[in-house]
Each structure stands twice: as C-alpha cells, then as structure tokens.
All heavy atoms as atom14 arrays in JSON, in Angstrom:
{
  "sequence": "QQINVNTAEAAVVEARNVYETAVIAKREYLEGTFVQEVETLESELF",
  "atom14_mask": [
    [1, 1, 1, 1, 1, 1, 1, 1, 1, 0, 0, 0, 0, 0],
    [1, 1, 1, 1, 1, 1, 1, 1, 1, 0, 0, 0, 0, 0],
    [1, 1, 1, 1, 1, 1, 1, 1, 0, 0, 0, 0, 0, 0],
    [1, 1, 1, 1, 1, 1, 1, 1, 0, 0, 0, 0, 0, 0],
    [1, 1, 1, 1, 1, 1, 1, 0, 0, 0, 0, 0, 0, 0],
    [1, 1, 1, 1, 1, 1, 1, 1, 0, 0, 0, 0, 0, 0],
    [1, 1, 1, 1, 1, 1, 1, 0, 0, 0, 0, 0, 0, 0],
    [1, 1, 1, 1, 1, 0, 0, 0, 0, 0, 0, 0, 0, 0],
    [1, 1, 1, 1, 1, 1, 1, 1, 1, 0, 0, 0, 0, 0],
    [1, 1, 1, 1, 1, 0, 0, 0, 0, 0, 0, 0, 0, 0],
    [1, 1, 1, 1, 1, 0, 0, 0, 0, 0, 0, 0, 0, 0],
    [1, 1, 1, 1, 1, 1, 1, 0, 0, 0, 0, 0, 0, 0],
    [1, 1, 1, 1, 1, 1, 1, 0, 0, 0, 0, 0, 0, 0],
    [1, 1, 1, 1, 1, 1, 1, 1, 1, 0, 0, 0, 0, 0],
    [1, 1, 1, 1, 1, 0, 0, 0, 0, 0, 0, 0, 0, 0],
    [1, 1, 1, 1, 1, 1, 1, 1, 1, 1, 1, 0, 0, 0],
    [1, 1, 1, 1, 1, 1, 1, 1, 0, 0, 0, 0, 0, 0],
    [1, 1, 1, 1, 1, 1, 1, 0, 0, 0, 0, 0, 0, 0],
    [1, 1, 1, 1, 1, 1, 1, 1, 1, 1, 1, 1, 0, 0],
    [1, 1, 1, 1, 1, 1, 1, 1, 1, 0, 0, 0, 0, 0],
    [1, 1, 1, 1, 1, 1, 1, 0, 0, 0, 0, 0, 0, 0],
    [1, 1, 1, 1, 1, 0, 0, 0, 0, 0, 0, 0, 0, 0],
    [1, 1, 1, 1, 1, 1, 1, 0, 0, 0, 0, 0, 0, 0],
    [1, 1, 1, 1, 1, 1, 1, 1, 0, 0, 0, 0, 0, 0],
    [1, 1, 1, 1, 1, 0, 0, 0, 0, 0, 0, 0, 0, 0],
    [1, 1, 1, 1, 1, 1, 1, 1, 1, 0, 0, 0, 0, 0],
    [1, 1, 1, 1, 1, 1, 1, 1, 1, 1, 1, 0, 0, 0],
    [1, 1, 1, 1, 1, 1, 1, 1, 1, 0, 0, 0, 0, 0],
    [1, 1, 1, 1, 1, 1, 1, 1, 1, 1, 1, 1, 0, 0],
    [1, 1, 1, 1, 1, 1, 1, 1, 0, 0, 0, 0, 0, 0],
    [1, 1, 1, 1, 1, 1, 1, 1, 1, 0, 0, 0, 0, 0],
    [1, 1, 1, 1, 0, 0, 0, 0, 0, 0, 0, 0, 0, 0],
    [1, 1, 1, 1, 1, 1, 1, 0, 0, 0, 0, 0, 0, 0],
    [1, 1, 1, 1, 1, 1, 1, 1, 1, 1, 1, 0, 0, 0],
    [1, 1, 1, 1, 1, 1, 1, 0, 0, 0, 0, 0, 0, 0],
    [1, 1, 1, 1, 1, 1, 1, 1, 1, 0, 0, 0, 0, 0],
    [1, 1, 1, 1, 1, 1, 1, 1, 1, 0, 0, 0, 0, 0],
    [1, 1, 1, 1, 1, 1, 1, 0, 0, 0, 0, 0, 0, 0],
    [1, 1, 1, 1, 1, 1, 1, 1, 1, 0, 0, 0, 0, 0],
    [1, 1, 1, 1, 1, 1, 1, 0, 0, 0, 0, 0, 0, 0],
    [1, 1, 1, 1, 1, 1, 1, 1, 0, 0, 0, 0, 0, 0],
    [1, 1, 1, 1, 1, 1, 1, 1, 1, 0, 0, 0, 0, 0],
    [1, 1, 1, 1, 1, 1, 0, 0, 0, 0, 0, 0, 0, 0],
    [1, 1, 1, 1, 1, 1, 1, 1, 1, 0, 0, 0, 0, 0],
    [1, 1, 1, 1, 1, 1, 1, 1, 0, 0, 0, 0, 0, 0],
    [1, 1, 1, 1, 1, 1, 1, 1, 1, 1, 1, 0, 0, 0]
  ],
  "atom14_positions": [
    [[0.82, -1.22, -0.01], [0.0, 0.0, -0.01], [0.89, 1.26, 0.03], [0.5, 2.3, -0.59], [-0.93, 0.01, 1.17], [-1.93, 1.1, 1.22], [-2.85, 1.13, 0.0], [-3.15, 0.06, -0.53], [-3.18, 2.3, -0.45], [0.0, 0.0, 0.0], [0.0, 0.0, 0.0], [0.0, 0.0, 0.0], [0.0, 0.0, 0.0], [0.0, 0.0, 0.0]],
    [[2.02, 1.22, 0.65], [2.95, 2.34, 0.61], [3.4, 2.64, -0.76], [3.54, 3.79, -1.2], [4.12, 2.08, 1.55], [5.05, 3.26, 1.7], [4.44, 4.47, 2.33], [3.94, 4.4, 3.46], [4.4, 5.61, 1.61], [0.0, 0.0, 0.0], [0.0, 0.0, 0.0], [0.0, 0.0, 0.0], [0.0, 0.0, 0.0], [0.0, 0.0, 0.0]],
    [[3.66, 1.59, -1.57], [4.04, 1.76, -2.96], [2.9, 2.42, -3.75], [3.12, 3.33, -4.61], [4.41, 0.41, -3.58], [5.65, -0.19, -2.84], [4.68, 0.53, -5.09], [6.03, -1.58, -3.35], [0.0, 0.0, 0.0], [0.0, 0.0, 0.0], [0.0, 0.0, 0.0], [0.0, 0.0, 0.0], [0.0, 0.0, 0.0], [0.0, 0.0, 0.0]],
    [[1.7, 2.02, -3.5], [0.56, 2.62, -4.15], [0.43, 4.09, -3.81], [0.08, 4.94, -4.66], [-0.72, 1.9, -3.81], [-0.77, 0.46, -4.3], [-0.1, 0.11, -5.28], [-1.54, -0.38, -3.65], [0.0, 0.0, 0.0], [0.0, 0.0, 0.0], [0.0, 0.0, 0.0], [0.0, 0.0, 0.0], [0.0, 0.0, 0.0], [0.0, 0.0, 0.0]],
    [[0.7, 4.44, -2.57], [0.64, 5.83, -2.15], [1.69, 6.67, -2.86], [1.43, 7.76, -3.35], [0.82, 5.95, -0.61], [1.0, 7.38, -0.2], [-0.44, 5.36, 0.07], [0.0, 0.0, 0.0], [0.0, 0.0, 0.0], [0.0, 0.0, 0.0], [0.0, 0.0, 0.0], [0.0, 0.0, 0.0], [0.0, 0.0, 0.0], [0.0, 0.0, 0.0]],
    [[2.91, 6.15, -2.96], [3.99, 6.82, -3.67], [3.65, 7.06, -5.15], [3.89, 8.12, -5.7], [5.3, 6.1, -3.54], [5.78, 6.01, -2.09], [5.38, 6.83, -1.25], [6.63, 5.05, -1.78], [0.0, 0.0, 0.0], [0.0, 0.0, 0.0], [0.0, 0.0, 0.0], [0.0, 0.0, 0.0], [0.0, 0.0, 0.0], [0.0, 0.0, 0.0]],
    [[3.1, 6.01, -5.79], [2.7, 6.17, -7.17], [1.6, 7.2, -7.34], [1.62, 8.02, -8.28], [2.2, 4.8, -7.69], [3.22, 3.82, -7.52], [1.86, 4.9, -9.18], [0.0, 0.0, 0.0], [0.0, 0.0, 0.0], [0.0, 0.0, 0.0], [0.0, 0.0, 0.0], [0.0, 0.0, 0.0], [0.0, 0.0, 0.0], [0.0, 0.0, 0.0]],
    [[0.66, 7.24, -6.43], [-0.4, 8.2, -6.49], [0.11, 9.61, -6.24], [-0.36, 10.59, -6.88], [-1.49, 7.86, -5.45], [0.0, 0.0, 0.0], [0.0, 0.0, 0.0], [0.0, 0.0, 0.0], [0.0, 0.0, 0.0], [0.0, 0.0, 0.0], [0.0, 0.0, 0.0], [0.0, 0.0, 0.0], [0.0, 0.0, 0.0], [0.0, 0.0, 0.0]],
    [[1.09, 9.76, -5.38], [1.7, 11.12, -5.19], [2.37, 11.6, -6.43], [2.27, 12.78, -6.8], [2.72, 11.04, -4.03], [2.04, 10.89, -2.66], [3.1, 10.75, -1.56], [4.27, 10.52, -1.88], [2.71, 10.92, -0.39], [0.0, 0.0, 0.0], [0.0, 0.0, 0.0], [0.0, 0.0, 0.0], [0.0, 0.0, 0.0], [0.0, 0.0, 0.0]],
    [[3.09, 10.7, -7.14], [3.73, 11.09, -8.43], [2.72, 11.52, -9.47], [2.9, 12.48, -10.22], [4.6, 9.94, -8.93], [0.0, 0.0, 0.0], [0.0, 0.0, 0.0], [0.0, 0.0, 0.0], [0.0, 0.0, 0.0], [0.0, 0.0, 0.0], [0.0, 0.0, 0.0], [0.0, 0.0, 0.0], [0.0, 0.0, 0.0], [0.0, 0.0, 0.0]],
    [[1.6, 10.77, -9.51], [0.55, 11.09, -10.47], [-0.09, 12.47, -10.15], [-0.41, 13.26, -11.03], [-0.52, 10.04, -10.47], [0.0, 0.0, 0.0], [0.0, 0.0, 0.0], [0.0, 0.0, 0.0], [0.0, 0.0, 0.0], [0.0, 0.0, 0.0], [0.0, 0.0, 0.0], [0.0, 0.0, 0.0], [0.0, 0.0, 0.0], [0.0, 0.0, 0.0]],
    [[-0.19, 12.79, -8.86], [-0.74, 14.09, -8.45], [0.18, 15.21, -8.86], [-0.26, 16.26, -9.37], [-0.97, 14.1, -6.93], [-1.27, 15.53, -6.44], [-2.12, 13.22, -6.53], [0.0, 0.0, 0.0], [0.0, 0.0, 0.0], [0.0, 0.0, 0.0], [0.0, 0.0, 0.0], [0.0, 0.0, 0.0], [0.0, 0.0, 0.0], [0.0, 0.0, 0.0]],
    [[1.51, 15.04, -8.67], [2.47, 16.05, -9.06], [2.41, 16.3, -10.59], [2.42, 17.42, -11.08], [3.91, 15.66, -8.63], [4.95, 16.6, -9.19], [3.96, 15.61, -7.1], [0.0, 0.0, 0.0], [0.0, 0.0, 0.0], [0.0, 0.0, 0.0], [0.0, 0.0, 0.0], [0.0, 0.0, 0.0], [0.0, 0.0, 0.0], [0.0, 0.0, 0.0]],
    [[2.37, 15.22, -11.32], [2.3, 15.31, -12.77], [1.0, 16.01, -13.25], [1.04, 16.9, -14.09], [2.37, 13.94, -13.4], [2.36, 13.91, -14.95], [2.41, 12.52, -15.5], [2.47, 11.55, -14.71], [2.41, 12.42, -16.74], [0.0, 0.0, 0.0], [0.0, 0.0, 0.0], [0.0, 0.0, 0.0], [0.0, 0.0, 0.0], [0.0, 0.0, 0.0]],
    [[-0.12, 15.65, -12.67], [-1.37, 16.29, -13.02], [-1.39, 17.78, -12.63], [-1.91, 18.61, -13.36], [-2.52, 15.58, -12.35], [0.0, 0.0, 0.0], [0.0, 0.0, 0.0], [0.0, 0.0, 0.0], [0.0, 0.0, 0.0], [0.0, 0.0, 0.0], [0.0, 0.0, 0.0], [0.0, 0.0, 0.0], [0.0, 0.0, 0.0], [0.0, 0.0, 0.0]],
    [[-0.79, 18.11, -11.5], [-0.72, 19.53, -11.1], [0.1, 20.32, -12.09], [-0.24, 21.48, -12.52], [-0.13, 19.63, -9.72], [-0.06, 21.05, -9.19], [0.6, 21.12, -7.88], [2.0, 20.61, -8.0], [2.81, 20.38, -6.96], [2.34, 20.47, -5.71], [4.04, 19.93, -7.14], [0.0, 0.0, 0.0], [0.0, 0.0, 0.0], [0.0, 0.0, 0.0]],
    [[1.23, 19.74, -12.57], [2.08, 20.45, -13.55], [1.35, 20.65, -14.85], [1.5, 21.7, -15.47], [3.4, 19.66, -13.75], [4.3, 19.69, -12.52], [4.19, 20.59, -11.69], [5.15, 18.71, -12.41], [0.0, 0.0, 0.0], [0.0, 0.0, 0.0], [0.0, 0.0, 0.0], [0.0, 0.0, 0.0], [0.0, 0.0, 0.0], [0.0, 0.0, 0.0]],
    [[0.63, 19.61, -15.26], [-0.14, 19.75, -16.53], [-1.2, 20.88, -16.4], [-1.39, 21.67, -17.31], [-0.83, 18.42, -16.87], [-1.82, 18.59, -18.04], [0.19, 17.36, -17.21], [0.0, 0.0, 0.0], [0.0, 0.0, 0.0], [0.0, 0.0, 0.0], [0.0, 0.0, 0.0], [0.0, 0.0, 0.0], [0.0, 0.0, 0.0], [0.0, 0.0, 0.0]],
    [[-1.81, 20.97, -15.25], [-2.8, 22.0, -15.04], [-2.18, 23.42, -15.0], [-2.64, 24.33, -15.67], [-3.53, 21.76, -13.71], [-4.37, 22.93, -13.22], [-5.57, 23.19, -13.83], [-3.91, 23.74, -12.21], [-6.36, 24.28, -13.44], [-4.69, 24.83, -11.79], [-5.91, 25.09, -12.39], [-6.68, 26.18, -11.98], [0.0, 0.0, 0.0], [0.0, 0.0, 0.0]],
    [[-1.08, 23.52, -14.31], [-0.4, 24.84, -14.28], [0.14, 25.23, -15.66], [0.1, 26.41, -16.04], [0.74, 24.77, -13.28], [0.24, 24.64, -11.84], [1.38, 24.48, -10.84], [2.55, 24.34, -11.28], [1.12, 24.53, -9.6], [0.0, 0.0, 0.0], [0.0, 0.0, 0.0], [0.0, 0.0, 0.0], [0.0, 0.0, 0.0], [0.0, 0.0, 0.0]],
    [[0.61, 24.21, -16.44], [1.03, 24.49, -17.82], [-0.12, 24.99, -18.67], [0.04, 25.9, -19.52], [1.66, 23.26, -18.41], [2.75, 22.79, -17.63], [2.14, 23.48, -19.84], [0.0, 0.0, 0.0], [0.0, 0.0, 0.0], [0.0, 0.0, 0.0], [0.0, 0.0, 0.0], [0.0, 0.0, 0.0], [0.0, 0.0, 0.0], [0.0, 0.0, 0.0]],
    [[-1.29, 24.42, -18.52], [-2.47, 24.84, -19.27], [-2.82, 26.29, -18.92], [-3.22, 27.07, -19.82], [-3.62, 23.87, -19.04], [0.0, 0.0, 0.0], [0.0, 0.0, 0.0], [0.0, 0.0, 0.0], [0.0, 0.0, 0.0], [0.0, 0.0, 0.0], [0.0, 0.0, 0.0], [0.0, 0.0, 0.0], [0.0, 0.0, 0.0], [0.0, 0.0, 0.0]],
    [[-2.73, 26.62, -17.67], [-3.08, 28.03, -17.24], [-2.04, 28.98, -17.85], [-2.43, 30.05, -18.36], [-3.06, 28.11, -15.7], [-3.22, 29.55, -15.23], [-4.19, 27.26, -15.11], [0.0, 0.0, 0.0], [0.0, 0.0, 0.0], [0.0, 0.0, 0.0], [0.0, 0.0, 0.0], [0.0, 0.0, 0.0], [0.0, 0.0, 0.0], [0.0, 0.0, 0.0]],
    [[-0.76, 28.59, -17.81], [0.25, 29.44, -18.42], [0.05, 29.57, -19.9], [0.29, 30.66, -20.51], [1.64, 28.89, -18.06], [1.9, 28.97, -16.54], [2.71, 29.62, -18.82], [3.16, 28.3, -16.07], [0.0, 0.0, 0.0], [0.0, 0.0, 0.0], [0.0, 0.0, 0.0], [0.0, 0.0, 0.0], [0.0, 0.0, 0.0], [0.0, 0.0, 0.0]],
    [[-0.37, 28.5, -20.58], [-0.57, 28.51, -22.04], [-1.66, 29.53, -22.38], [-1.52, 30.23, -23.4], [-0.88, 27.13, -22.54], [0.0, 0.0, 0.0], [0.0, 0.0, 0.0], [0.0, 0.0, 0.0], [0.0, 0.0, 0.0], [0.0, 0.0, 0.0], [0.0, 0.0, 0.0], [0.0, 0.0, 0.0], [0.0, 0.0, 0.0], [0.0, 0.0, 0.0]],
    [[-2.67, 29.59, -21.58], [-3.71, 30.58, -21.84], [-3.2, 32.01, -21.73], [-3.47, 32.88, -22.61], [-4.87, 30.36, -20.88], [-6.04, 31.36, -21.12], [-7.15, 31.08, -20.14], [-8.27, 32.12, -20.33], [-9.36, 31.92, -19.38], [0.0, 0.0, 0.0], [0.0, 0.0, 0.0], [0.0, 0.0, 0.0], [0.0, 0.0, 0.0], [0.0, 0.0, 0.0]],
    [[-2.49, 32.27, -20.65], [-1.91, 33.62, -20.49], [-0.93, 33.92, -21.59], [-0.83, 35.04, -22.09], [-1.24, 33.68, -19.11], [-2.16, 33.65, -17.94], [-1.39, 33.81, -16.66], [-0.63, 35.1, -16.69], [0.34, 35.32, -15.79], [0.69, 34.45, -14.85], [0.98, 36.52, -15.87], [0.0, 0.0, 0.0], [0.0, 0.0, 0.0], [0.0, 0.0, 0.0]],
    [[-0.13, 32.88, -21.99], [0.87, 33.07, -23.05], [0.16, 33.49, -24.36], [0.64, 34.38, -25.05], [1.66, 31.8, -23.23], [2.66, 31.84, -24.36], [3.28, 30.55, -24.68], [2.75, 29.5, -24.21], [4.38, 30.5, -25.34], [0.0, 0.0, 0.0], [0.0, 0.0, 0.0], [0.0, 0.0, 0.0], [0.0, 0.0, 0.0], [0.0, 0.0, 0.0]],
    [[-0.95, 32.87, -24.64], [-1.64, 33.2, -25.91], [-2.23, 34.58, -25.84], [-2.08, 35.37, -26.81], [-2.7, 32.14, -26.17], [-3.51, 32.48, -27.41], [-2.99, 32.28, -28.68], [-4.79, 33.0, -27.3], [-3.7, 32.66, -29.84], [-5.55, 33.31, -28.44], [-4.99, 33.16, -29.68], [-5.7, 33.49, -30.81], [0.0, 0.0, 0.0], [0.0, 0.0, 0.0]],
    [[-2.92, 34.87, -24.74], [-3.61, 36.15, -24.67], [-2.62, 37.34, -24.56], [-2.85, 38.38, -25.21], [-4.52, 36.19, -23.41], [-5.8, 35.36, -23.51], [-6.56, 35.41, -22.2], [-6.69, 35.8, -24.64], [0.0, 0.0, 0.0], [0.0, 0.0, 0.0], [0.0, 0.0, 0.0], [0.0, 0.0, 0.0], [0.0, 0.0, 0.0], [0.0, 0.0, 0.0]],
    [[-1.57, 37.13, -23.84], [-0.67, 38.29, -23.59], [0.56, 38.2, -24.53], [1.33, 39.19, -24.58], [-0.18, 38.22, -22.13], [-1.31, 38.39, -21.15], [-0.83, 38.29, -19.7], [0.41, 38.25, -19.5], [-1.69, 38.23, -18.78], [0.0, 0.0, 0.0], [0.0, 0.0, 0.0], [0.0, 0.0, 0.0], [0.0, 0.0, 0.0], [0.0, 0.0, 0.0]],
    [[0.75, 37.13, -25.25], [1.94, 37.05, -26.12], [1.61, 36.69, -27.54], [1.74, 37.51, -28.42], [0.0, 0.0, 0.0], [0.0, 0.0, 0.0], [0.0, 0.0, 0.0], [0.0, 0.0, 0.0], [0.0, 0.0, 0.0], [0.0, 0.0, 0.0], [0.0, 0.0, 0.0], [0.0, 0.0, 0.0], [0.0, 0.0, 0.0], [0.0, 0.0, 0.0]],
    [[1.25, 35.47, -27.77], [1.04, 34.95, -29.13], [0.01, 35.76, -29.87], [0.21, 36.16, -31.02], [0.67, 33.47, -29.1], [1.67, 32.73, -28.34], [0.55, 32.93, -30.51], [0.0, 0.0, 0.0], [0.0, 0.0, 0.0], [0.0, 0.0, 0.0], [0.0, 0.0, 0.0], [0.0, 0.0, 0.0], [0.0, 0.0, 0.0], [0.0, 0.0, 0.0]],
    [[-1.11, 35.99, -29.24], [-2.21, 36.71, -29.9], [-1.76, 38.18, -30.22], [-2.0, 38.69, -31.35], [-3.45, 36.71, -29.06], [-4.55, 37.56, -29.6], [-5.26, 37.16, -30.73], [-4.86, 38.81, -29.02], [-6.3, 37.96, -31.22], [-5.87, 39.58, -29.53], [-6.6, 39.14, -30.61], [0.0, 0.0, 0.0], [0.0, 0.0, 0.0], [0.0, 0.0, 0.0]],
    [[-1.14, 38.81, -29.33], [-0.71, 40.21, -29.53], [0.33, 40.28, -30.64], [0.34, 41.15, -31.51], [-0.15, 40.8, -28.22], [0.47, 42.16, -28.47], [-1.23, 40.87, -27.17], [0.0, 0.0, 0.0], [0.0, 0.0, 0.0], [0.0, 0.0, 0.0], [0.0, 0.0, 0.0], [0.0, 0.0, 0.0], [0.0, 0.0, 0.0], [0.0, 0.0, 0.0]],
    [[1.23, 39.27, -30.64], [2.24, 39.21, -31.66], [1.64, 39.02, -33.03], [2.03, 39.68, -34.0], [3.25, 38.09, -31.34], [4.41, 37.98, -32.32], [5.36, 36.87, -31.94], [5.12, 36.17, -30.95], [6.39, 36.67, -32.73], [0.0, 0.0, 0.0], [0.0, 0.0, 0.0], [0.0, 0.0, 0.0], [0.0, 0.0, 0.0], [0.0, 0.0, 0.0]],
    [[0.69, 38.12, -33.16], [0.03, 37.88, -34.44], [-0.74, 39.1, -34.89], [-0.77, 39.45, -36.11], [-0.9, 36.65, -34.33], [-0.12, 35.35, -34.15], [-1.08, 34.18, -34.0], [-2.32, 34.37, -33.92], [-0.62, 33.02, -34.02], [0.0, 0.0, 0.0], [0.0, 0.0, 0.0], [0.0, 0.0, 0.0], [0.0, 0.0, 0.0], [0.0, 0.0, 0.0]],
    [[-1.39, 39.78, -33.96], [-2.12, 40.98, -34.33], [-1.15, 42.06, -34.88], [-1.41, 42.71, -35.9], [-2.88, 41.52, -33.12], [-3.45, 42.93, -33.41], [-4.07, 40.61, -32.8], [0.0, 0.0, 0.0], [0.0, 0.0, 0.0], [0.0, 0.0, 0.0], [0.0, 0.0, 0.0], [0.0, 0.0, 0.0], [0.0, 0.0, 0.0], [0.0, 0.0, 0.0]],
    [[-0.03, 42.23, -34.14], [0.91, 43.24, -34.62], [1.52, 42.84, -35.99], [1.72, 43.73, -36.87], [2.06, 43.36, -33.58], [1.6, 44.01, -32.31], [2.69, 44.06, -31.26], [3.76, 43.44, -31.52], [2.49, 44.66, -30.2], [0.0, 0.0, 0.0], [0.0, 0.0, 0.0], [0.0, 0.0, 0.0], [0.0, 0.0, 0.0], [0.0, 0.0, 0.0]],
    [[1.72, 41.57, -36.2], [2.27, 41.13, -37.53], [1.27, 41.39, -38.63], [1.63, 41.92, -39.72], [2.62, 39.63, -37.44], [3.56, 39.42, -36.42], [3.15, 39.12, -38.81], [0.0, 0.0, 0.0], [0.0, 0.0, 0.0], [0.0, 0.0, 0.0], [0.0, 0.0, 0.0], [0.0, 0.0, 0.0], [0.0, 0.0, 0.0], [0.0, 0.0, 0.0]],
    [[0.01, 41.06, -38.39], [-0.99, 41.29, -39.44], [-1.22, 42.79, -39.62], [-1.48, 43.23, -40.76], [-2.31, 40.57, -39.04], [-2.23, 38.99, -39.07], [-3.55, 38.47, -38.63], [-1.89, 38.54, -40.44], [0.0, 0.0, 0.0], [0.0, 0.0, 0.0], [0.0, 0.0, 0.0], [0.0, 0.0, 0.0], [0.0, 0.0, 0.0], [0.0, 0.0, 0.0]],
    [[-1.22, 43.51, -38.57], [-1.35, 44.98, -38.71], [-0.18, 45.56, -39.54], [-0.39, 46.5, -40.34], [-1.47, 45.65, -37.36], [-2.77, 45.42, -36.65], [-2.82, 46.06, -35.31], [-1.74, 46.47, -34.79], [-3.92, 46.12, -34.7], [0.0, 0.0, 0.0], [0.0, 0.0, 0.0], [0.0, 0.0, 0.0], [0.0, 0.0, 0.0], [0.0, 0.0, 0.0]],
    [[0.98, 45.03, -39.3], [2.15, 45.47, -40.07], [1.99, 45.11, -41.57], [2.28, 45.94, -42.44], [3.43, 44.86, -39.55], [4.52, 45.22, -40.3], [0.0, 0.0, 0.0], [0.0, 0.0, 0.0], [0.0, 0.0, 0.0], [0.0, 0.0, 0.0], [0.0, 0.0, 0.0], [0.0, 0.0, 0.0], [0.0, 0.0, 0.0], [0.0, 0.0, 0.0]],
    [[1.52, 43.91, -41.82], [1.27, 43.5, -43.2], [0.18, 44.42, -43.83], [0.3, 44.8, -45.03], [0.83, 42.06, -43.24], [1.92, 41.07, -42.88], [1.45, 39.62, -42.9], [0.24, 39.43, -43.28], [2.19, 38.71, -42.58], [0.0, 0.0, 0.0], [0.0, 0.0, 0.0], [0.0, 0.0, 0.0], [0.0, 0.0, 0.0], [0.0, 0.0, 0.0]],
    [[-0.84, 44.7, -43.06], [-1.93, 45.55, -43.56], [-1.36, 46.96, -43.88], [-1.7, 47.59, -44.9], [-3.05, 45.63, -42.61], [-4.25, 46.53, -43.0], [-4.87, 46.08, -44.35], [-5.3, 46.55, -41.88], [0.0, 0.0, 0.0], [0.0, 0.0, 0.0], [0.0, 0.0, 0.0], [0.0, 0.0, 0.0], [0.0, 0.0, 0.0], [0.0, 0.0, 0.0]],
    [[-0.48, 47.44, -43.04], [0.09, 48.76, -43.23], [0.92, 48.8, -44.49], [0.85, 49.73, -45.32], [0.94, 49.14, -42.01], [1.59, 50.45, -42.12], [0.92, 51.66, -41.96], [3.0, 50.54, -42.47], [1.59, 52.88, -42.12], [3.63, 51.76, -42.61], [2.9, 52.91, -42.44], [0.0, 0.0, 0.0], [0.0, 0.0, 0.0], [0.0, 0.0, 0.0]]
  ]
}
C-alpha cells in the first residue's frame, strides 16, 4: 500500500504540472502569441 501511495503522489504532481502548464498557455496566448500575431498582421496591412 505504501508503494501505491507513492505512485499516487507522483501522479498528483504530474497532473498539477499539466494544469499549471495549461493556465500558463492561456496567459501566453492572450498576452503574447495573440498580440504578436495581431501586430504582424497589422504590419502587413500597413
């Protein structure tokens, strides 16, 4: 059972990292990728 607990703890750490990565990806798109693409297209339009 101690082995099962250790495996479950590792799975929790991995799932938490995936969640935090997803949150960062959203901020990255809104505050970085999207703004960059808008500026690029506006430059092309200009």
